Amino acid sequence: MTPSRRPPDVPERRANRPLREVLDEFLEHTRMLVRRARDMSPAELEYAQQRLEWLADEVWRVTTGRASAP
């Protein structure tokens, strides 16, 4: 169904711009990890994992409106 033919009770999926932005960043970081993980040092992998966890927390925060994940 095209966006112009969407029933009035179905919200636009991309209406939550902050969530879309943090999800895009999360996906971009994940794709980078998939490409580079074998060539990364242990310190780089640890930092990348911490960043991934932070981004996941941001997704949770933006999605739920809470300060941090439980």
C-alpha atoms as a PDB file:
ATOM      1  CA  MET A   1       0.000   0.000   0.000  1.00  0.00           C
ATOM      2  CA  THR A   2       1.450   3.377  -0.905  1.00  0.00           C
ATOM      3  CA  PRO A   3       1.762   6.091   1.758  1.00  0.00           C
ATOM      4  CA  SER A   4      -0.905   8.168   0.058  1.00  0.00           C
ATOM      5  CA  ARG A   5      -3.322   5.236   0.237  1.00  0.00           C
ATOM      6  CA  ARG A   6      -2.568   4.378   3.879  1.00  0.00           C
ATOM      7  CA  PRO A   7      -5.711   4.068   6.000  1.00  0.00           C
ATOM      8  CA  PRO A   8      -6.113   7.040   8.357  1.00  0.00           C
ATOM      9  CA  ASP A   9      -5.733   4.894  11.506  1.00  0.00           C
ATOM     10  CA  VAL A  10      -2.273   3.546  10.506  1.00  0.00           C
ATOM     11  CA  PRO A  11       0.489   5.958  11.572  1.00  0.00           C
ATOM     12  CA  GLU A  12       3.440   6.733   9.324  1.00  0.00           C
ATOM     13  CA  ARG A  13       6.348   4.461  10.314  1.00  0.00           C
ATOM     14  CA  ARG A  14       8.950   7.185   9.937  1.00  0.00           C
ATOM     15  CA  ALA A  15       7.191   9.766  12.090  1.00  0.00           C
ATOM     16  CA  ASN A  16       9.581   9.282  15.042  1.00  0.00           C
ATOM     17  CA  ARG A  17      12.667  10.983  13.614  1.00  0.00           C
ATOM     18  CA  PRO A  18      14.851  10.651  16.777  1.00  0.00           C
ATOM     19  CA  LEU A  19      14.211   6.900  16.827  1.00  0.00           C
ATOM     20  CA  ARG A  20      14.956   6.572  13.100  1.00  0.00           C
ATOM     21  CA  GLU A  21      18.247   8.444  13.585  1.00  0.00           C
ATOM     22  CA  VAL A  22      19.449   6.314  16.496  1.00  0.00           C
ATOM     23  CA  LEU A  23      18.389   3.111  14.696  1.00  0.00           C
ATOM     24  CA  ASP A  24      20.306   4.211  11.600  1.00  0.00           C
ATOM     25  CA  GLU A  25      23.398   4.853  13.720  1.00  0.00           C
ATOM     26  CA  PHE A  26      22.978   1.465  15.437  1.00  0.00           C
ATOM     27  CA  LEU A  27      22.722  -0.311  12.079  1.00  0.00           C
ATOM     28  CA  GLU A  28      25.673   1.582  10.634  1.00  0.00           C
ATOM     29  CA  HIS A  29      27.845   0.642  13.619  1.00  0.00           C
ATOM     30  CA  THR A  30      26.730  -2.993  13.448  1.00  0.00           C
ATOM     31  CA  ARG A  31      27.545  -3.202   9.737  1.00  0.00           C
ATOM     32  CA  MET A  32      30.982  -1.699  10.382  1.00  0.00           C
ATOM     33  CA  LEU A  33      31.605  -4.337  13.049  1.00  0.00           C
ATOM     34  CA  VAL A  34      30.606  -7.140  10.713  1.00  0.00           C
ATOM     35  CA  ARG A  35      33.071  -5.858   8.091  1.00  0.00           C
ATOM     36  CA  ARG A  36      35.996  -5.135  10.414  1.00  0.00           C
ATOM     37  CA  ALA A  37      35.729  -7.401  13.472  1.00  0.00           C
ATOM     38  CA  ARG A  38      38.418  -9.875  12.358  1.00  0.00           C
ATOM     39  CA  ASP A  39      40.930  -7.060  11.834  1.00  0.00           C
ATOM     40  CA  MET A  40      40.239  -5.160  15.051  1.00  0.00           C
ATOM     41  CA  SER A  41      42.470  -5.234  18.109  1.00  0.00           C
ATOM     42  CA  PRO A  42      41.026  -6.437  21.434  1.00  0.00           C
ATOM     43  CA  ALA A  43      40.849  -2.803  22.608  1.00  0.00           C
ATOM     44  CA  GLU A  44      38.995  -1.751  19.447  1.00  0.00           C
ATOM     45  CA  LEU A  45      36.565  -4.650  19.842  1.00  0.00           C
ATOM     46  CA  GLU A  46      35.919  -3.741  23.461  1.00  0.00           C
ATOM     47  CA  TYR A  47      35.246  -0.113  22.555  1.00  0.00           C
ATOM     48  CA  ALA A  48      33.005  -1.179  19.649  1.00  0.00           C
ATOM     49  CA  GLN A  49      31.030  -3.446  21.986  1.00  0.00           C
ATOM     50  CA  GLN A  50      30.612  -0.624  24.517  1.00  0.00           C
ATOM     51  CA  ARG A  51      29.405   1.690  21.746  1.00  0.00           C
ATOM     52  CA  LEU A  52      26.968  -0.943  20.518  1.00  0.00           C
ATOM     53  CA  GLU A  53      25.572  -1.315  24.042  1.00  0.00           C
ATOM     54  CA  TRP A  54      25.283   2.470  24.384  1.00  0.00           C
ATOM     55  CA  LEU A  55      23.434   2.681  21.070  1.00  0.00           C
ATOM     56  CA  ALA A  56      21.090  -0.119  22.157  1.00  0.00           C
ATOM     57  CA  ASP A  57      20.408   1.845  25.353  1.00  0.00           C
ATOM     58  CA  GLU A  58      19.681   4.932  23.243  1.00  0.00           C
ATOM     59  CA  VAL A  59      17.215   2.953  21.115  1.00  0.00           C
ATOM     60  CA  TRP A  60      15.502   1.805  24.326  1.00  0.00           C
ATOM     61  CA  ARG A  61      15.455   5.340  25.773  1.00  0.00           C
ATOM     62  CA  VAL A  62      14.027   6.926  22.633  1.00  0.00           C
ATOM     63  CA  THR A  63      11.493   4.138  22.142  1.00  0.00           C
ATOM     64  CA  THR A  64      10.149   4.110  25.687  1.00  0.00           C
ATOM     65  CA  GLY A  65      10.864   7.664  26.771  1.00  0.00           C
ATOM     66  CA  ARG A  66      12.735   6.307  29.798  1.00  0.00           C
ATOM     67  CA  ALA A  67      16.098   7.502  31.053  1.00  0.00           C
ATOM     68  CA  SER A  68      17.841   4.132  30.577  1.00  0.00           C
ATOM     69  CA  ALA A  69      17.242   0.441  29.974  1.00  0.00           C
ATOM     70  CA  PRO A  70      16.133  -1.673  32.951  1.00  0.00           C
END
